[in-house]
PDB file of N, CA and C in Angstrom:
ATOM      1  N   MET A   1      80.027  96.840 109.582  1.00  0.00           N
ATOM      2  CA  MET A   1      80.728  98.224 110.415  1.00  0.00           C
ATOM      3  C   MET A   1      79.524  99.596 109.899  1.00  0.00           C
ATOM      4  N   SER A   2      79.174 100.126 111.102  1.00  0.00           N
ATOM      5  CA  SER A   2      78.438 101.164 110.855  1.00  0.00           C
ATOM      6  C   SER A   2      79.365 102.608 110.511  1.00  0.00           C
ATOM      7  N   ASP A   3      78.361 103.231 109.530  1.00  0.00           N
ATOM      8  CA  ASP A   3      79.356 104.533 109.083  1.00  0.00           C
ATOM      9  C   ASP A   3      79.227 105.542 109.767  1.00  0.00           C
ATOM     10  N   SER A   4      78.286 105.519 110.815  1.00  0.00           N
ATOM     11  CA  SER A   4      78.224 106.698 111.722  1.00  0.00           C
ATOM     12  C   SER A   4      78.898 106.723 113.362  1.00  0.00           C
ATOM     13  N   PHE A   5      79.522 107.651 113.834  1.00  0.00           N
ATOM     14  CA  PHE A   5      80.307 107.426 114.731  1.00  0.00           C
ATOM     15  C   PHE A   5      80.204 108.562 115.625  1.00  0.00           C
ATOM     16  N   ILE A   6      80.649 108.500 117.103  1.00  0.00           N
ATOM     17  CA  ILE A   6      80.558 109.597 117.741  1.00  0.00           C
ATOM     18  C   ILE A   6      82.109 110.169 118.088  1.00  0.00           C
ATOM     19  N   LEU A   7      82.612 111.390 117.689  1.00  0.00           N
ATOM     20  CA  LEU A   7      83.928 111.910 117.573  1.00  0.00           C
ATOM     21  C   LEU A   7      83.885 112.501 118.927  1.00  0.00           C
ATOM     22  N   HIS A   8      84.964 112.080 119.822  1.00  0.00           N
ATOM     23  CA  HIS A   8      85.245 112.853 120.983  1.00  0.00           C
ATOM     24  C   HIS A   8      86.438 113.599 121.009  1.00  0.00           C
ATOM     25  N   TYR A   9      86.392 114.905 121.230  1.00  0.00           N
ATOM     26  CA  TYR A   9      87.573 115.908 121.124  1.00  0.00           C
ATOM     27  C   TYR A   9      87.664 117.012 122.312  1.00  0.00           C
ATOM     28  N   LEU A  10      88.942 117.366 122.796  1.00  0.00           N
ATOM     29  CA  LEU A  10      89.233 118.325 123.521  1.00  0.00           C
ATOM     30  C   LEU A  10      88.783 119.610 123.116  1.00  0.00           C
ATOM     31  N   TYR A  11      88.189 120.507 123.822  1.00  0.00           N
ATOM     32  CA  TYR A  11      87.843 121.917 123.353  1.00  0.00           C
ATOM     33  C   TYR A  11      88.079 122.993 124.508  1.00  0.00           C
ATOM     34  N   LYS A  12      88.712 123.733 124.598  1.00  0.00           N
ATOM     35  CA  LYS A  12      88.999 124.871 125.493  1.00  0.00           C
ATOM     36  C   LYS A  12      89.076 124.068 126.819  1.00  0.00           C
ATOM     37  N   GLY A  13      89.816 122.923 126.947  1.00  0.00           N
ATOM     38  CA  GLY A  13      89.545 122.041 128.075  1.00  0.00           C
ATOM     39  C   GLY A  13      88.765 121.425 128.427  1.00  0.00           C
ATOM     40  N   VAL A  14      87.727 121.211 127.714  1.00  0.00           N
ATOM     41  CA  VAL A  14      86.302 120.529 128.016  1.00  0.00           C
ATOM     42  C   VAL A  14      86.065 119.411 126.886  1.00  0.00           C
ATOM     43  N   ALA A  15      85.881 118.184 127.537  1.00  0.00           N
ATOM     44  CA  ALA A  15      85.624 116.984 126.514  1.00  0.00           C
ATOM     45  C   ALA A  15      84.180 117.479 125.837  1.00  0.00           C
ATOM     46  N   GLU A  16      84.304 117.263 124.248  1.00  0.00           N
ATOM     47  CA  GLU A  16      82.928 117.608 123.713  1.00  0.00           C
ATOM     48  C   GLU A  16      82.697 116.274 122.698  1.00  0.00           C
ATOM     49  N   GLU A  17      81.541 116.244 122.072  1.00  0.00           N
ATOM     50  CA  GLU A  17      81.613 115.299 121.120  1.00  0.00           C
ATOM     51  C   GLU A  17      80.708 115.647 119.886  1.00  0.00           C
ATOM     52  N   ILE A  18      80.702 115.100 119.053  1.00  0.00           N
ATOM     53  CA  ILE A  18      79.639 115.347 117.951  1.00  0.00           C
ATOM     54  C   ILE A  18      79.583 114.168 117.154  1.00  0.00           C
ATOM     55  N   THR A  19      78.163 113.945 116.366  1.00  0.00           N
ATOM     56  CA  THR A  19      78.076 112.803 115.711  1.00  0.00           C
ATOM     57  C   THR A  19      78.451 112.951 114.115  1.00  0.00           C
ATOM     58  N   CYS A  20      79.267 112.045 113.614  1.00  0.00           N
ATOM     59  CA  CYS A  20      79.739 112.098 112.312  1.00  0.00           C
ATOM     60  C   CYS A  20      79.294 110.797 111.541  1.00  0.00           C
ATOM     61  N   SER A  21      79.182 110.786 110.335  1.00  0.00           N
ATOM     62  CA  SER A  21      78.998 109.658 109.296  1.00  0.00           C
ATOM     63  C   SER A  21      80.132 109.901 108.446  1.00  0.00           C
ATOM     64  N   LEU A  22      80.583 108.902 107.784  1.00  0.00           N
ATOM     65  CA  LEU A  22      81.299 108.584 106.553  1.00  0.00           C
ATOM     66  C   LEU A  22      80.752 108.299 105.560  1.00  0.00           C
ATOM     67  N   ARG A  23      81.009 109.080 104.581  1.00  0.00           N
ATOM     68  CA  ARG A  23      80.649 108.931 103.014  1.00  0.00           C
ATOM     69  C   ARG A  23      81.742 108.444 102.284  1.00  0.00           C
ATOM     70  N   VAL A  24      81.580 107.228 101.582  1.00  0.00           N
ATOM     71  CA  VAL A  24      82.967 106.758 100.791  1.00  0.00           C
ATOM     72  C   VAL A  24      82.524 106.883  99.357  1.00  0.00           C
ATOM     73  N   SER A  25      83.374 107.624  98.425  1.00  0.00           N
ATOM     74  CA  SER A  25      83.361 107.436  97.069  1.00  0.00           C
ATOM     75  C   SER A  25      84.342 106.402  96.344  1.00  0.00           C
ATOM     76  N   ARG A  26      84.333 106.708  95.115  1.00  0.00           N
ATOM     77  CA  ARG A  26      85.310 105.494  94.362  1.00  0.00           C
ATOM     78  C   ARG A  26      86.828 105.670  95.007  1.00  0.00           C
ATOM     79  N   PHE A  27      87.246 107.137  94.956  1.00  0.00           N
ATOM     80  CA  PHE A  27      88.595 107.604  95.276  1.00  0.00           C
ATOM     81  C   PHE A  27      88.938 108.342  96.598  1.00  0.00           C
ATOM     82  N   THR A  28      87.702 108.654  97.352  1.00  0.00           N
ATOM     83  CA  THR A  28      87.715 109.441  98.561  1.00  0.00           C
ATOM     84  C   THR A  28      86.725 109.243  99.540  1.00  0.00           C
ATOM     85  N   TYR A  29      86.836 110.033 100.421  1.00  0.00           N
ATOM     86  CA  TYR A  29      85.732 109.953 101.546  1.00  0.00           C
ATOM     87  C   TYR A  29      85.843 111.196 102.318  1.00  0.00           C
ATOM     88  N   GLN A  30      84.679 111.466 102.669  1.00  0.00           N
ATOM     89  CA  GLN A  30      84.174 112.935 103.534  1.00  0.00           C
ATOM     90  C   GLN A  30      83.576 112.222 104.800  1.00  0.00           C
ATOM     91  N   PHE A  31      83.655 112.879 105.805  1.00  0.00           N
ATOM     92  CA  PHE A  31      83.095 112.756 106.925  1.00  0.00           C
ATOM     93  C   PHE A  31      81.958 114.181 106.996  1.00  0.00           C
ATOM     94  N   LEU A  32      80.988 113.701 107.478  1.00  0.00           N
ATOM     95  CA  LEU A  32      79.506 114.588 107.087  1.00  0.00           C
ATOM     96  C   LEU A  32      79.422 114.956 109.121  1.00  0.00           C
ATOM     97  N   CYS A  33      79.502 116.055 109.265  1.00  0.00           N
ATOM     98  CA  CYS A  33      79.266 116.107 110.661  1.00  0.00           C
ATOM     99  C   CYS A  33      78.210 117.590 110.937  1.00  0.00           C
ATOM    100  N   THR A  34      77.491 117.565 112.189  1.00  0.00           N
ATOM    101  CA  THR A  34      76.838 118.718 112.409  1.00  0.00           C
ATOM    102  C   THR A  34      77.395 119.068 113.647  1.00  0.00           C
ATOM    103  N   LEU A  35      77.777 120.716 113.295  1.00  0.00           N
ATOM    104  CA  LEU A  35      78.436 121.511 114.599  1.00  0.00           C
ATOM    105  C   LEU A  35      77.667 122.871 114.583  1.00  0.00           C
ATOM    106  N   ASP A  36      77.040 122.872 115.660  1.00  0.00           N
ATOM    107  CA  ASP A  36      76.212 124.253 116.404  1.00  0.00           C
ATOM    108  C   ASP A  36      75.162 124.297 115.226  1.00  0.00           C
ATOM    109  N   GLY A  37      74.503 123.255 114.919  1.00  0.00           N
ATOM    110  CA  GLY A  37      73.391 123.665 113.972  1.00  0.00           C
ATOM    111  C   GLY A  37      74.005 123.501 112.276  1.00  0.00           C
ATOM    112  N   ALA A  38      75.274 123.821 112.025  1.00  0.00           N
ATOM    113  CA  ALA A  38      75.977 123.773 110.915  1.00  0.00           C
ATOM    114  C   ALA A  38      76.071 122.293 110.580  1.00  0.00           C
ATOM    115  N   ASP A  39      75.820 121.848 109.045  1.00  0.00           N
ATOM    116  CA  ASP A  39      76.227 120.679 108.664  1.00  0.00           C
ATOM    117  C   ASP A  39      77.614 121.097 107.860  1.00  0.00           C
ATOM    118  N   ILE A  40      78.723 120.249 108.093  1.00  0.00           N
ATOM    119  CA  ILE A  40      79.862 120.657 107.791  1.00  0.00           C
ATOM    120  C   ILE A  40      80.514 119.287 106.956  1.00  0.00           C
ATOM    121  N   ILE A  41      81.232 119.526 106.040  1.00  0.00           N
ATOM    122  CA  ILE A  41      82.121 118.407 105.393  1.00  0.00           C
ATOM    123  C   ILE A  41      83.347 118.734 105.285  1.00  0.00           C
ATOM    124  N   ILE A  42      84.057 117.279 106.148  1.00  0.00           N
ATOM    125  CA  ILE A  42      85.680 116.961 106.271  1.00  0.00           C
ATOM    126  C   ILE A  42      85.975 116.473 105.199  1.00  0.00           C
ATOM    127  N   GLU A  43      86.869 116.839 104.197  1.00  0.00           N
ATOM    128  CA  GLU A  43      87.609 115.832 103.635  1.00  0.00           C
ATOM    129  C   GLU A  43      89.095 116.348 103.396  1.00  0.00           C
ATOM    130  N   LYS A  44      89.677 115.631 102.570  1.00  0.00           N
ATOM    131  CA  LYS A  44      91.213 115.725 102.175  1.00  0.00           C
ATOM    132  C   LYS A  44      91.141 116.772 101.000  1.00  0.00           C
ATOM    133  N   ASP A  45      92.096 117.721 101.064  1.00  0.00           N
ATOM    134  CA  ASP A  45      92.568 118.641 100.095  1.00  0.00           C
ATOM    135  C   ASP A  45      93.479 117.869  99.016  1.00  0.00           C
ATOM    136  N   ASP A  46      93.924 118.761  98.028  1.00  0.00           N
ATOM    137  CA  ASP A  46      94.728 118.258  97.032  1.00  0.00           C
ATOM    138  C   ASP A  46      96.209 117.881  97.543  1.00  0.00           C
ATOM    139  N   GLU A  47      96.353 118.518  98.930  1.00  0.00           N
ATOM    140  CA  GLU A  47      97.836 118.090  99.706  1.00  0.00           C
ATOM    141  C   GLU A  47      97.678 117.010 100.272  1.00  0.00           C
ATOM    142  N   GLY A  48      96.387 116.675 100.788  1.00  0.00           N
ATOM    143  CA  GLY A  48      96.269 115.411 101.671  1.00  0.00           C
ATOM    144  C   GLY A  48      96.141 115.942 103.030  1.00  0.00           C
ATOM    145  N   ASN A  49      95.582 117.344 103.289  1.00  0.00           N
ATOM    146  CA  ASN A  49      95.365 117.878 104.583  1.00  0.00           C
ATOM    147  C   ASN A  49      93.890 117.993 104.490  1.00  0.00           C
ATOM    148  N   LEU A  50      93.406 117.748 106.122  1.00  0.00           N
ATOM    149  CA  LEU A  50      91.760 117.911 106.201  1.00  0.00           C
ATOM    150  C   LEU A  50      91.364 119.300 106.209  1.00  0.00           C
ATOM    151  N   ARG A  51      90.209 119.380 105.071  1.00  0.00           N
ATOM    152  CA  ARG A  51      89.618 121.012 105.146  1.00  0.00           C
ATOM    153  C   ARG A  51      88.303 120.808 105.690  1.00  0.00           C
ATOM    154  N   VAL A  52      87.431 121.681 105.908  1.00  0.00           N
ATOM    155  CA  VAL A  52      86.099 121.975 106.192  1.00  0.00           C
ATOM    156  C   VAL A  52      85.518 122.791 105.479  1.00  0.00           C
ATOM    157  N   MET A  53      84.289 122.096 104.815  1.00  0.00           N
ATOM    158  CA  MET A  53      83.020 123.125 104.178  1.00  0.00           C
ATOM    159  C   MET A  53      81.808 123.006 104.590  1.00  0.00           C
ATOM    160  N   GLU A  54      81.222 124.098 104.536  1.00  0.00           N
ATOM    161  CA  GLU A  54      79.871 124.383 104.754  1.00  0.00           C
ATOM    162  C   GLU A  54      78.721 123.340 103.975  1.00  0.00           C
ATOM    163  N   SER A  55      78.096 122.410 104.292  1.00  0.00           N
ATOM    164  CA  SER A  55      77.230 121.724 103.159  1.00  0.00           C
ATOM    165  C   SER A  55      76.379 122.502 102.309  1.00  0.00           C
ATOM    166  N   GLU A  56      75.903 123.477 103.448  1.00  0.00           N
ATOM    167  CA  GLU A  56      75.091 124.608 102.453  1.00  0.00           C
ATOM    168  C   GLU A  56      75.704 125.967 102.679  1.00  0.00           C
ATOM    169  N   PRO A  57      76.484 126.336 102.098  1.00  0.00           N
ATOM    170  CA  PRO A  57      77.306 127.576 102.197  1.00  0.00           C
ATOM    171  C   PRO A  57      76.542 128.677 102.066  1.00  0.00           C
ATOM    172  N   PHE A  58      75.586 128.891 101.144  1.00  0.00           N
ATOM    173  CA  PHE A  58      74.856 129.817 100.832  1.00  0.00           C
ATOM    174  C   PHE A  58      73.424 129.984 101.805  1.00  0.00           C
ATOM    175  N   SER A  59      73.351 129.125 102.418  1.00  0.00           N
ATOM    176  CA  SER A  59      71.881 129.201 103.145  1.00  0.00           C
ATOM    177  C   SER A  59      71.813 130.069 104.530  1.00  0.00           C
ATOM    178  N   GLY A  60      73.073 130.369 104.901  1.00  0.00           N
ATOM    179  CA  GLY A  60      72.848 131.449 106.173  1.00  0.00           C
ATOM    180  C   GLY A  60      71.932 131.235 107.278  1.00  0.00           C
ATOM    181  N   LYS A  61      71.597 129.843 107.492  1.00  0.00           N
ATOM    182  CA  LYS A  61      70.864 129.459 108.590  1.00  0.00           C
ATOM    183  C   LYS A  61      71.661 129.249 109.952  1.00  0.00           C
ATOM    184  N   SER A  62      72.351 129.355 109.596  1.00  0.00           N
ATOM    185  CA  SER A  62      73.456 128.901 111.074  1.00  0.00           C
ATOM    186  C   SER A  62      74.547 129.683 111.596  1.00  0.00           C
ATOM    187  N   LYS A  63      75.042 129.977 112.440  1.00  0.00           N
ATOM    188  CA  LYS A  63      76.481 130.730 112.484  1.00  0.00           C
ATOM    189  C   LYS A  63      77.409 129.993 112.329  1.00  0.00           C
ATOM    190  N   LYS A  64      78.486 130.510 111.953  1.00  0.00           N
ATOM    191  CA  LYS A  64      79.682 129.799 111.558  1.00  0.00           C
ATOM    192  C   LYS A  64      80.438 129.112 113.179  1.00  0.00           C
ATOM    193  N   PRO A  65      80.743 128.134 112.498  1.00  0.00           N
ATOM    194  CA  PRO A  65      81.636 127.330 113.754  1.00  0.00           C
ATOM    195  C   PRO A  65      82.920 128.223 114.002  1.00  0.00           C
ATOM    196  N   ASP A  66      83.338 127.872 115.121  1.00  0.00           N
ATOM    197  CA  ASP A  66      84.621 128.575 115.771  1.00  0.00           C
ATOM    198  C   ASP A  66      85.719 127.741 114.977  1.00  0.00           C
ATOM    199  N   VAL A  67      86.591 128.698 114.906  1.00  0.00           N
ATOM    200  CA  VAL A  67      87.816 128.244 114.040  1.00  0.00           C
ATOM    201  C   VAL A  67      88.771 126.854 115.120  1.00  0.00           C
ATOM    202  N   GLN A  68      88.840 127.482 116.250  1.00  0.00           N
ATOM    203  CA  GLN A  68      89.288 126.758 117.074  1.00  0.00           C
ATOM    204  C   GLN A  68      88.957 125.538 117.253  1.00  0.00           C
ATOM    205  N   GLN A  69      87.399 125.432 117.399  1.00  0.00           N
ATOM    206  CA  GLN A  69      86.772 124.076 117.640  1.00  0.00           C
ATOM    207  C   GLN A  69      86.921 123.524 116.525  1.00  0.00           C
ATOM    208  N   ILE A  70      87.004 123.665 115.358  1.00  0.00           N
ATOM    209  CA  ILE A  70      87.104 123.241 113.788  1.00  0.00           C
ATOM    210  C   ILE A  70      88.382 122.521 113.924  1.00  0.00           C
ATOM    211  N   LYS A  71      89.760 122.980 114.272  1.00  0.00           N
ATOM    212  CA  LYS A  71      91.108 122.661 114.523  1.00  0.00           C
ATOM    213  C   LYS A  71      90.883 121.531 115.342  1.00  0.00           C
ATOM    214  N   ALA A  72      90.306 121.515 116.316  1.00  0.00           N
ATOM    215  CA  ALA A  72      90.342 120.412 117.511  1.00  0.00           C
ATOM    216  C   ALA A  72      89.542 119.409 117.033  1.00  0.00           C
ATOM    217  N   ILE A  73      88.889 119.465 116.245  1.00  0.00           N
ATOM    218  CA  ILE A  73      88.157 118.099 115.514  1.00  0.00           C
ATOM    219  C   ILE A  73      89.076 117.512 114.414  1.00  0.00           C
ATOM    220  N   ILE A  74      89.592 118.759 113.434  1.00  0.00           N
ATOM    221  CA  ILE A  74      90.476 118.120 112.540  1.00  0.00           C
ATOM    222  C   ILE A  74      91.482 117.504 113.247  1.00  0.00           C
ATOM    223  N   ASP A  75      92.263 117.861 114.232  1.00  0.00           N
ATOM    224  CA  ASP A  75      93.481 117.427 115.103  1.00  0.00           C
ATOM    225  C   ASP A  75      93.080 115.974 115.642  1.00  0.00           C
ATOM    226  N   GLU A  76      91.874 115.802 115.802  1.00  0.00           N
ATOM    227  CA  GLU A  76      91.555 114.436 116.539  1.00  0.00           C
ATOM    228  C   GLU A  76      90.969 113.320 115.416  1.00  0.00           C
ATOM    229  N   LEU A  77      90.295 114.012 114.242  1.00  0.00           N
ATOM    230  CA  LEU A  77      90.280 112.844 113.011  1.00  0.00           C
ATOM    231  C   LEU A  77      91.567 112.506 112.417  1.00  0.00           C
ATOM    232  N   GLU A  78      92.494 113.421 112.476  1.00  0.00           N
ATOM    233  CA  GLU A  78      93.664 113.146 111.957  1.00  0.00           C
ATOM    234  C   GLU A  78      94.825 112.154 112.925  1.00  0.00           C
ATOM    235  N   ARG A  79      94.431 112.411 113.854  1.00  0.00           N
ATOM    236  CA  ARG A  79      95.056 111.112 115.294  1.00  0.00           C
ATOM    237  C   ARG A  79      94.404 109.831 114.852  1.00  0.00           C
ATOM    238  N   ILE A  80      93.043 109.735 114.748  1.00  0.00           N
ATOM    239  CA  ILE A  80      92.568 108.541 114.468  1.00  0.00           C
ATOM    240  C   ILE A  80      93.019 107.954 113.316  1.00  0.00           C
ATOM    241  N   LEU A  81      93.064 108.701 112.201  1.00  0.00           N
ATOM    242  CA  LEU A  81      93.085 108.197 110.944  1.00  0.00           C
ATOM    243  C   LEU A  81      94.754 107.651 110.921  1.00  0.00           C
ATOM    244  N   ARG A  82      95.798 108.513 111.551  1.00  0.00           N
ATOM    245  CA  ARG A  82      97.051 107.898 111.613  1.00  0.00           C
ATOM    246  C   ARG A  82      97.327 106.701 112.156  1.00  0.00           C
ATOM    247  N   GLU A  83      96.300 106.459 113.268  1.00  0.00           N
ATOM    248  CA  GLU A  83      96.348 105.071 114.166  1.00  0.00           C
ATOM    249  C   GLU A  83      95.766 103.979 112.958  1.00  0.00           C
ATOM    250  N   LYS A  84      95.167 104.057 112.390  1.00  0.00           N
ATOM    251  CA  LYS A  84      94.404 103.081 111.603  1.00  0.00           C
ATOM    252  C   LYS A  84      95.305 102.714 110.386  1.00  0.00           C
ATOM    253  N   VAL A  85      96.478 103.458 110.150  1.00  0.00           N
ATOM    254  CA  VAL A  85      97.220 103.300 108.927  1.00  0.00           C
ATOM    255  C   VAL A  85      98.310 102.306 109.424  1.00  0.00           C
TER     256      VAL A  85
END
């Protein structure tokens, strides 16, 4: 099974897609995605909710992703994860 995938999500009524990859460690996993030129990491926090971090937060090379777009991506990942359980 490939660890890269295309995530399809709806943002402002428009179908969007981004390429993500899955990184698994011993006790957790992360989704690595590129959104509008920014590399982001999506992982579970201590409460089990998905959160987003920039992979290089101090680089300043790219603009900040739109919060509503991030929420749409997280909502779709959570939907997929619920289906897999």
